[in-house]
């Protein structure tokens, strides 16, 4: 029988948790102090440890650190005081599997226990894109992914556009106890601000014009799994407040509803921007930054791991061409070796896809890669050091501005000239910060 260690100095809470665990078919040992807990850990093997943060002779972090330093694989969940986000973050940074806030929700307790007891490798690993590479940098990334998969802590993935942030997030999910549940990716920069709350949290029928039925949001869609917030720095400040509350309380309220509902999701976020600089500039909340950045995973750009290029080329060509991919000539390999790859792995994929279409024989020549043309175009547009997304936004902003000047600010006429709907133009103006 799976055994759980419960550590709390309040007898009624120990009894409540013990009773809940027994109804789940689990045996529990209880302790009221850090000393008693360490003594039980030395004499028994547990599949899970639940500990209060504040104890008469210390705190729950001592138990977390003891298990980590002893090499134990027992996951620890820490029970924190209501609204104590700092303690929750401290516990997760120390290596805790997850946390519960007082008063303890039995529904959340049962969900946490089920997740923890699936941890020892029972979840199937998703067969999909892998973080590929044998460089020292990528071996370190792979090792961190393995460790992160065993936790429920929020993860912040940093890295340039095209470096593979979403693939890393998918690997964390695939190797975790949540692998059988949904992985829901969300591009935060692609959602109009007035729709964000309903997209994230869902809405009730009649909540607004056009809401003709109940609809689930991203949080409900990711129930039991992972919610991946890509380009999280693009969230407007009002939505950041709502997201912070949802993460801390593990509850969301649908638009038009008076009741909150519990959600069980793991948050992984990513952005190509420097999130700390966004905080300093006042466009990203500091409290949300610390809540999301519990564990940071940096994905290195391709130019910092050039030794991985042959492995990536082989993997990409295998996916594009199947069992008989074309070879690259020596000149083609030399061209790839010298190219700076401002668009990282995503750009490499585009280059190879184009080359396979252009090559006339069984081998890809240097000219099939068209790297010279790429570099010349980059120099002409002046986007050296600029991410692809920033470059496209700049071009789009300039095109819209020119047409608006031509039409004297008449948006209806501008939309007609641009070949898009008026509604689409309004959305683009809002996304690009041109609404005013």
Protein backbone atom coordinates (compact mmCIF):
# COMPACT_ATOMS: atom_id res chain seq x y z
CA UNK A 1 0.00 0.00 0.00
CA UNK A 2 1.22 3.53 -0.82
CA UNK A 3 2.15 5.41 2.35
CA UNK A 4 1.98 9.15 2.90
CA UNK A 5 3.71 11.18 5.63
CA UNK A 6 1.54 14.02 6.98
CA UNK A 7 3.32 16.72 9.00
CA UNK A 8 1.23 19.38 10.77
CA UNK A 9 1.11 20.69 14.33
CA UNK A 10 -2.70 20.98 14.27
CA UNK A 11 -4.33 17.67 15.20
CA UNK A 12 -7.62 18.42 13.41
CA UNK A 13 -5.82 19.06 10.10
CA UNK A 14 -3.80 15.85 10.48
CA UNK A 15 -7.02 13.95 11.15
CA UNK A 16 -8.80 15.53 8.17
CA UNK A 17 -5.96 14.67 5.78
CA UNK A 18 -5.57 11.18 7.24
CA UNK A 19 -9.29 10.49 6.76
CA UNK A 20 -9.21 11.79 3.17
CA UNK A 21 -6.19 9.64 2.33
CA UNK A 22 -7.72 6.53 3.88
CA UNK A 23 -10.81 6.98 1.70
CA UNK A 24 -8.44 7.01 -1.28
CA UNK A 25 -6.99 3.67 -0.15
CA UNK A 26 -3.78 5.19 1.22
CA UNK A 27 -2.08 4.69 4.57
CA UNK A 28 -0.76 7.72 6.45
CA UNK A 29 1.74 8.32 9.22
CA UNK A 30 1.38 11.62 11.06
CA UNK A 31 3.90 13.89 12.78
CA UNK A 32 3.57 17.23 14.55
CA UNK A 33 7.15 18.48 14.35
CA UNK A 34 10.14 18.55 12.02
CA UNK A 35 12.04 16.26 14.38
CA UNK A 36 9.30 13.62 14.41
CA UNK A 37 9.01 13.83 10.61
CA UNK A 38 12.74 13.33 10.05
CA UNK A 39 12.68 10.34 12.40
CA UNK A 40 9.82 8.73 10.44
CA UNK A 41 11.55 9.46 7.12
CA UNK A 42 14.66 7.71 8.40
CA UNK A 43 12.72 4.58 9.35
CA UNK A 44 10.18 4.32 6.51
CA UNK A 45 9.78 4.82 2.77
CA UNK A 46 6.97 7.13 1.65
CA UNK A 47 5.45 7.77 -1.75
CA UNK A 48 4.44 11.32 -0.75
CA UNK A 49 5.02 13.80 2.06
CA UNK A 50 2.53 16.56 2.97
CA UNK A 51 3.95 19.14 5.37
CA UNK A 52 2.80 22.40 6.86
CA UNK A 53 5.12 25.35 6.33
CA UNK A 54 5.11 26.53 9.96
CA UNK A 55 5.99 23.95 12.60
CA UNK A 56 6.92 24.31 16.30
CA UNK A 57 10.60 23.42 15.80
CA UNK A 58 11.22 24.72 12.28
CA UNK A 59 9.49 24.86 8.91
CA UNK A 60 8.48 22.56 6.08
CA UNK A 61 11.40 23.69 3.91
CA UNK A 62 13.73 21.76 6.20
CA UNK A 63 11.92 18.57 5.24
CA UNK A 64 12.06 19.48 1.54
CA UNK A 65 15.82 20.12 1.74
CA UNK A 66 16.41 16.94 3.79
CA UNK A 67 14.77 14.77 1.13
CA UNK A 68 16.60 16.54 -1.70
CA UNK A 69 20.00 16.23 0.00
CA UNK A 70 19.44 12.57 0.83
CA UNK A 71 18.70 11.77 -2.81
CA UNK A 72 15.17 10.62 -2.06
CA UNK A 73 12.61 10.65 -4.87
CA UNK A 74 9.70 11.21 -2.45
CA UNK A 75 7.71 14.23 -3.66
CA UNK A 76 6.90 16.84 -1.01
CA UNK A 77 3.87 19.15 -1.06
CA UNK A 78 3.88 22.12 1.32
CA UNK A 79 0.78 23.53 3.01
CA UNK A 80 0.97 27.33 3.22
CA UNK A 81 -1.11 30.01 4.90
CA UNK A 82 -3.93 31.55 2.85
CA UNK A 83 -2.62 34.24 0.49
CA UNK A 84 1.04 33.52 1.28
CA UNK A 85 2.34 33.48 -2.29
CA UNK A 86 5.90 34.15 -1.09
CA UNK A 87 5.95 30.94 0.97
CA UNK A 88 4.53 28.95 -1.92
CA UNK A 89 7.19 30.24 -4.31
CA UNK A 90 9.94 29.63 -1.73
CA UNK A 91 8.78 26.03 -1.31
CA UNK A 92 8.71 25.38 -5.06
CA UNK A 93 12.16 26.92 -5.50
CA UNK A 94 13.47 24.70 -2.69
CA UNK A 95 12.30 21.62 -4.61
CA UNK A 96 8.74 21.01 -3.39
CA UNK A 97 6.51 19.11 -5.79
CA UNK A 98 3.50 21.38 -5.25
CA UNK A 99 1.69 23.37 -2.57
CA UNK A 100 -1.75 23.68 -0.97
CA UNK A 101 -3.17 26.83 0.62
CA UNK A 102 -5.13 26.83 3.88
CA UNK A 103 -7.96 26.18 4.37
CA UNK A 104 -7.13 22.94 2.60
CA UNK A 105 -9.52 22.12 -0.25
CA UNK A 106 -10.18 18.38 -0.21
CA UNK A 107 -10.78 18.41 -3.96
CA UNK A 108 -7.38 20.01 -4.58
CA UNK A 109 -5.80 17.63 -2.05
CA UNK A 110 -7.12 14.58 -3.88
CA UNK A 111 -5.95 15.97 -7.24
CA UNK A 112 -2.47 16.67 -5.86
CA UNK A 113 -2.18 13.18 -4.35
CA UNK A 114 -3.23 11.51 -7.60
CA UNK A 115 -0.66 13.53 -9.55
CA UNK A 116 2.12 12.80 -7.07
CA UNK A 117 1.51 9.06 -6.94
CA UNK A 118 1.78 8.82 -10.73
CA UNK A 119 5.23 10.39 -10.68
CA UNK A 120 7.56 7.35 -10.71
CA UNK A 121 7.68 7.03 -14.49
CA UNK A 122 4.26 5.50 -15.08
CA UNK A 123 3.15 8.25 -17.48
CA UNK A 124 3.81 7.45 -21.14
CA UNK A 125 6.28 9.68 -22.94
CA UNK A 126 4.67 11.47 -25.87
CA UNK A 127 6.05 10.45 -29.24
CA UNK A 128 6.66 13.82 -30.84
CA UNK A 129 9.30 16.46 -31.53
CA UNK A 130 12.29 16.23 -29.23
CA UNK A 131 14.73 18.83 -28.01
CA UNK A 132 17.55 17.68 -30.25
CA UNK A 133 21.24 18.15 -29.61
CA UNK A 134 24.34 16.66 -28.05
CA UNK A 135 26.17 19.90 -27.24
CA UNK A 136 26.99 20.62 -23.61
CA UNK A 137 24.32 23.34 -23.56
CA UNK A 138 21.58 21.03 -24.84
CA UNK A 139 22.60 18.15 -22.59
CA UNK A 140 22.12 20.55 -19.69
CA UNK A 141 18.70 21.54 -21.05
CA UNK A 142 17.70 17.85 -21.32
CA UNK A 143 18.81 17.19 -17.73
CA UNK A 144 16.79 20.16 -16.48
CA UNK A 145 13.71 18.98 -18.38
CA UNK A 146 13.93 15.60 -16.63
CA UNK A 147 14.05 17.32 -13.23
CA UNK A 148 11.30 19.80 -14.06
CA UNK A 149 8.97 17.02 -15.16
CA UNK A 150 8.84 15.72 -11.58
CA UNK A 151 7.58 19.03 -10.19
CA UNK A 152 4.39 21.03 -10.48
CA UNK A 153 6.23 24.34 -10.17
CA UNK A 154 5.61 27.01 -12.83
CA UNK A 155 8.38 27.22 -15.43
CA UNK A 156 9.61 30.25 -17.34
CA UNK A 157 11.33 29.36 -20.62
CA UNK A 158 13.50 32.10 -22.08
CA UNK A 159 15.16 32.18 -25.47
CA UNK A 160 15.12 33.79 -28.87
CA UNK A 161 12.32 33.27 -31.38
CA UNK A 162 12.67 29.94 -33.16
CA UNK A 163 15.02 28.39 -30.60
CA UNK A 164 12.58 25.66 -29.52
CA UNK A 165 10.81 26.97 -26.42
CA UNK A 166 7.50 25.25 -27.16
CA UNK A 167 9.23 21.95 -27.91
CA UNK A 168 10.93 22.14 -24.51
CA UNK A 169 7.57 22.83 -22.85
CA UNK A 170 6.02 19.85 -24.62
CA UNK A 171 8.85 17.63 -23.39
CA UNK A 172 8.34 18.73 -19.79
CA UNK A 173 4.66 17.87 -20.14
CA UNK A 174 5.31 14.57 -21.93
CA UNK A 175 7.68 13.34 -19.21
CA UNK A 176 5.45 14.40 -16.32
CA UNK A 177 2.56 12.73 -14.56
CA UNK A 178 0.30 14.98 -16.62
CA UNK A 179 1.31 13.40 -19.95
CA UNK A 180 -2.08 11.73 -20.47
CA UNK A 181 -3.90 15.06 -19.98
CA UNK A 182 -4.04 17.95 -22.48
CA UNK A 183 -1.17 20.24 -23.41
CA UNK A 184 -2.79 23.56 -24.39
CA UNK A 185 -0.53 26.13 -26.11
CA UNK A 186 -1.71 29.75 -26.15
CA UNK A 187 -0.11 32.64 -28.03
CA UNK A 188 -0.81 35.55 -25.70
CA UNK A 189 0.09 38.12 -28.35
CA UNK A 190 -2.55 36.89 -30.80
CA UNK A 191 -5.66 37.42 -28.64
CA UNK A 192 -7.52 40.78 -28.71
CA UNK A 193 -7.53 42.39 -25.27
CA UNK A 194 -11.32 42.55 -25.05
CA UNK A 195 -11.56 38.78 -25.57
CA UNK A 196 -8.78 37.68 -23.23
CA UNK A 197 -10.80 37.02 -20.09
CA UNK A 198 -13.42 34.94 -21.90
CA UNK A 199 -10.74 33.04 -23.85
CA UNK A 200 -8.75 32.19 -20.72
CA UNK A 201 -11.57 31.52 -18.25
CA UNK A 202 -14.60 30.77 -20.45
CA UNK A 203 -18.05 32.35 -20.25
CA UNK A 204 -21.65 31.59 -19.35
CA UNK A 205 -24.54 31.77 -21.78
CA UNK A 206 -25.85 35.33 -22.00
CA UNK A 207 -22.73 36.90 -20.50
CA UNK A 208 -22.46 39.23 -23.48
CA UNK A 209 -23.88 39.69 -26.97
CA UNK A 210 -23.19 36.56 -29.00
CA UNK A 211 -22.69 34.27 -25.99
CA UNK A 212 -25.45 31.86 -26.98
CA UNK A 213 -24.08 28.92 -24.99
CA UNK A 214 -21.62 28.11 -22.18
CA UNK A 215 -18.01 27.86 -23.30
CA UNK A 216 -14.89 26.55 -21.61
CA UNK A 217 -11.69 28.60 -21.54
CA UNK A 218 -8.04 27.66 -21.85
CA UNK A 219 -7.79 26.79 -18.15
CA UNK A 220 -10.70 24.35 -18.35
CA UNK A 221 -9.36 22.88 -21.61
CA UNK A 222 -6.03 22.16 -19.90
CA UNK A 223 -7.64 20.58 -16.81
CA UNK A 224 -5.24 18.04 -15.33
CA UNK A 225 -2.58 18.96 -17.87
CA UNK A 226 -0.33 21.85 -18.87
CA UNK A 227 -1.17 25.37 -20.03
CA UNK A 228 1.65 26.84 -22.13
CA UNK A 229 1.54 30.64 -22.32
CA UNK A 230 3.74 31.67 -25.23
CA UNK A 231 4.82 35.33 -25.50
CA UNK A 232 3.46 35.95 -22.00
CA UNK A 233 5.11 39.41 -21.97
CA UNK A 234 2.41 40.55 -24.42
CA UNK A 235 -0.37 40.18 -21.83
CA UNK A 236 -1.94 43.56 -20.94
CA UNK A 237 -1.69 44.62 -17.29
CA UNK A 238 -5.41 44.07 -16.44
CA UNK A 239 -5.17 40.48 -17.65
CA UNK A 240 -1.96 39.97 -15.70
CA UNK A 241 -3.89 40.69 -12.47
CA UNK A 242 -6.53 38.08 -13.32
CA UNK A 243 -3.90 35.52 -14.32
CA UNK A 244 -2.01 36.04 -11.04
CA UNK A 245 -5.14 35.34 -9.01
CA UNK A 246 -5.97 32.23 -11.05
CA UNK A 247 -2.45 30.84 -10.50
CA UNK A 248 -2.36 31.61 -6.77
CA UNK A 249 -5.86 30.44 -5.89
CA UNK A 250 -6.05 27.62 -8.49
CA UNK A 251 -9.57 28.81 -9.26
CA UNK A 252 -11.17 30.68 -12.16
CA UNK A 253 -14.48 32.44 -12.66
CA UNK A 254 -16.19 32.32 -16.06
CA UNK A 255 -17.35 35.63 -17.50
CA UNK A 256 -20.96 36.05 -16.42
CA UNK A 257 -20.70 33.59 -13.51
CA UNK A 258 -20.82 34.38 -9.79
CA UNK A 259 -19.06 31.17 -8.71
CA UNK A 260 -15.43 30.15 -8.97
CA UNK A 261 -14.40 26.67 -10.08
CA UNK A 262 -11.22 24.83 -9.13
CA UNK A 263 -8.72 24.12 -11.89
CA UNK A 264 -5.71 21.84 -11.86
CA UNK A 265 -3.20 23.00 -14.45
CA UNK A 266 0.54 23.44 -14.58
CA UNK A 267 1.68 26.77 -16.00
CA UNK A 268 4.65 26.97 -18.36
CA UNK A 269 5.31 30.35 -19.96
CA UNK A 270 7.78 31.63 -22.52
CA UNK A 271 8.78 34.81 -24.30
CA UNK A 272 11.59 35.99 -26.55
CA UNK A 273 11.66 39.26 -24.59
CA UNK A 274 13.64 39.89 -21.40
CA UNK A 275 10.89 39.53 -18.80
CA UNK A 276 12.95 41.16 -16.05
CA UNK A 277 13.43 44.25 -18.24
CA UNK A 278 9.68 44.29 -18.86
CA UNK A 279 9.18 44.42 -15.09
CA UNK A 280 11.65 47.30 -14.75
CA UNK A 281 9.87 49.17 -17.54
CA UNK A 282 6.53 48.76 -15.75
CA UNK A 283 4.82 46.74 -18.49
CA UNK A 284 4.87 43.45 -16.57
CA UNK A 285 3.82 42.97 -12.95
CA UNK A 286 6.62 42.10 -10.56
CA UNK A 287 4.42 39.81 -8.44
CA UNK A 288 3.35 37.84 -11.52
CA UNK A 289 6.97 37.64 -12.70
CA UNK A 290 8.08 36.02 -9.44
CA UNK A 291 5.06 33.70 -9.51
CA UNK A 292 5.82 32.50 -13.03
CA UNK A 293 9.61 32.46 -12.77
CA UNK A 294 9.88 29.78 -10.10
CA UNK A 295 12.15 27.68 -12.32
CA UNK A 296 13.84 29.18 -15.37
CA UNK A 297 14.92 27.19 -18.41
CA UNK A 298 17.03 29.01 -20.99
CA UNK A 299 17.08 27.62 -24.51
CA UNK A 300 20.38 28.64 -26.17
CA UNK A 301 20.32 30.10 -29.70
CA UNK A 302 21.60 27.91 -32.52
CA UNK A 303 24.74 30.00 -32.97
CA UNK A 304 25.81 28.96 -29.43
CA UNK A 305 25.52 25.26 -30.25
CA UNK A 306 26.74 24.91 -33.80
CA UNK A 307 27.91 21.36 -33.10
CA UNK A 308 24.22 20.38 -33.04
CA UNK A 309 23.60 21.51 -36.64
CA UNK A 310 24.42 18.10 -38.26
CA UNK A 311 22.07 16.31 -35.82
CA UNK A 312 19.31 18.84 -36.44
CA UNK A 313 19.78 18.65 -40.20
CA UNK A 314 19.49 14.86 -40.10
CA UNK A 315 16.36 14.98 -37.94
CA UNK A 316 14.67 17.68 -40.06
CA UNK A 317 15.46 16.04 -43.39
CA UNK A 318 14.24 12.70 -42.04
CA UNK A 319 10.93 14.31 -41.12
CA UNK A 320 10.64 16.11 -44.47
CA UNK A 321 11.78 13.32 -46.78
CA UNK A 322 11.23 10.07 -44.94
CA UNK A 323 13.64 7.14 -45.26
CA UNK A 324 15.69 8.53 -48.17
CA UNK A 325 16.62 12.16 -47.48
CA UNK A 326 19.05 13.95 -49.82
CA UNK A 327 22.69 14.37 -48.82
CA UNK A 328 24.37 17.75 -48.40
CA UNK A 329 27.51 18.50 -50.39
CA UNK A 330 30.66 19.68 -48.65
CA UNK A 331 30.01 23.22 -49.90
CA UNK A 332 26.47 23.12 -48.45
CA UNK A 333 27.77 21.99 -45.06
CA UNK A 334 30.37 24.77 -45.10
CA UNK A 335 27.67 27.34 -45.89
CA UNK A 336 25.51 26.15 -42.98
CA UNK A 337 28.50 26.20 -40.65
CA UNK A 338 29.23 29.87 -41.43
CA UNK A 339 25.63 31.11 -41.40
CA UNK A 340 24.57 33.12 -38.25
CA UNK A 341 20.98 31.72 -38.07
CA UNK A 342 19.15 34.78 -36.68
CA UNK A 343 15.95 32.72 -36.82
CA UNK A 344 17.48 29.73 -35.01
CA UNK A 345 16.12 26.19 -35.48
CA UNK A 346 12.89 27.42 -37.07
CA UNK A 347 14.93 29.19 -39.73
CA UNK A 348 17.02 26.06 -40.30
CA UNK A 349 13.81 24.11 -40.90
CA UNK A 350 12.64 26.69 -43.45
CA UNK A 351 16.02 26.66 -45.22
CA UNK A 352 16.04 22.87 -45.53
CA UNK A 353 12.42 22.68 -46.64
CA UNK A 354 13.16 25.15 -49.42
CA UNK A 355 16.38 23.34 -50.34
CA UNK A 356 14.63 19.97 -50.71
CA UNK A 357 12.19 21.59 -53.13
CA UNK A 358 14.93 23.28 -55.15
CA UNK A 359 17.57 20.54 -55.33
CA UNK A 360 17.57 18.75 -58.68
CA UNK A 361 19.40 15.55 -57.73
CA UNK A 362 20.15 13.36 -54.74
CA UNK A 363 22.27 16.06 -53.09
CA UNK A 364 21.59 19.53 -51.76
CA UNK A 365 24.03 22.08 -53.18
CA UNK A 366 25.10 25.29 -51.45
CA UNK A 367 23.04 27.37 -53.87
CA UNK A 368 19.91 25.36 -53.00
CA UNK A 369 20.15 26.75 -49.46
CA UNK A 370 20.01 30.34 -50.76
CA UNK A 371 21.88 31.61 -47.72
CA UNK A 372 23.52 34.41 -49.66
CA UNK A 373 20.14 35.77 -50.65
CA UNK A 374 18.91 35.49 -47.07
CA UNK A 375 21.88 37.47 -45.72
CA UNK A 376 21.53 40.14 -48.43
CA UNK A 377 17.83 40.57 -47.71
CA UNK A 378 18.57 40.88 -44.01
CA UNK A 379 21.19 43.55 -44.59
CA UNK A 380 18.81 45.53 -46.86
CA UNK A 381 15.93 45.46 -44.40
CA UNK A 382 18.20 46.31 -41.49
CA UNK A 383 16.90 43.57 -39.21
CA UNK A 384 20.28 42.29 -38.04
CA UNK A 385 19.87 41.48 -34.35
CA UNK A 386 16.09 41.90 -34.66
CA UNK A 387 13.83 38.91 -34.09
CA UNK A 388 11.60 37.77 -36.95
CA UNK A 389 8.46 38.70 -35.02
CA UNK A 390 9.71 42.21 -34.24
CA UNK A 391 10.72 42.65 -37.89
CA UNK A 392 7.29 41.57 -39.18
CA UNK A 393 5.51 43.81 -36.66
CA UNK A 394 7.66 46.76 -37.75
CA UNK A 395 6.89 46.17 -41.44
CA UNK A 396 3.17 45.75 -40.73
CA UNK A 397 3.07 48.90 -38.59
CA UNK A 398 4.83 50.90 -41.31
CA UNK A 399 2.47 49.65 -44.05
CA UNK A 400 -0.64 50.50 -42.03
CA UNK A 401 0.72 53.92 -41.08
CA UNK A 402 1.44 54.79 -44.73
CA UNK A 403 -2.08 53.81 -45.84
CA UNK A 404 -3.69 55.73 -42.97
CA UNK A 405 -1.77 58.82 -44.02
CA UNK A 406 -2.92 58.33 -47.62
CA UNK A 407 -6.57 58.08 -46.54
CA UNK A 408 -6.37 60.97 -44.09
CA UNK A 409 -6.94 58.65 -41.13
CA UNK A 410 -10.10 57.09 -42.61
CA UNK A 411 -9.93 53.53 -41.28
CA UNK A 412 -12.70 52.17 -43.48
CA UNK A 413 -10.88 53.37 -46.58
CA UNK A 414 -7.54 52.15 -45.22
CA UNK A 415 -8.93 48.66 -44.63
CA UNK A 416 -10.21 48.61 -48.22
CA UNK A 417 -6.79 49.63 -49.60
CA UNK A 418 -5.03 47.02 -47.45
CA UNK A 419 -7.45 44.30 -48.57
CA UNK A 420 -8.61 43.40 -45.06
CA UNK A 421 -11.84 43.86 -43.12
CA UNK A 422 -12.43 46.88 -40.89
CA UNK A 423 -12.61 44.56 -37.89
CA UNK A 424 -9.25 42.99 -38.81
CA UNK A 425 -7.70 46.45 -39.11
CA UNK A 426 -8.95 47.43 -35.65
CA UNK A 427 -7.48 44.26 -34.19
CA UNK A 428 -4.10 44.91 -35.86
CA UNK A 429 -4.06 48.52 -34.65
CA UNK A 430 -4.72 47.32 -31.12
CA UNK A 431 -2.10 44.55 -31.28
CA UNK A 432 0.55 46.88 -32.67
CA UNK A 433 -0.16 49.63 -30.14
CA UNK A 434 -1.52 52.01 -32.81
CA UNK A 435 -5.10 52.32 -31.58
CA UNK A 436 -4.60 55.85 -30.23
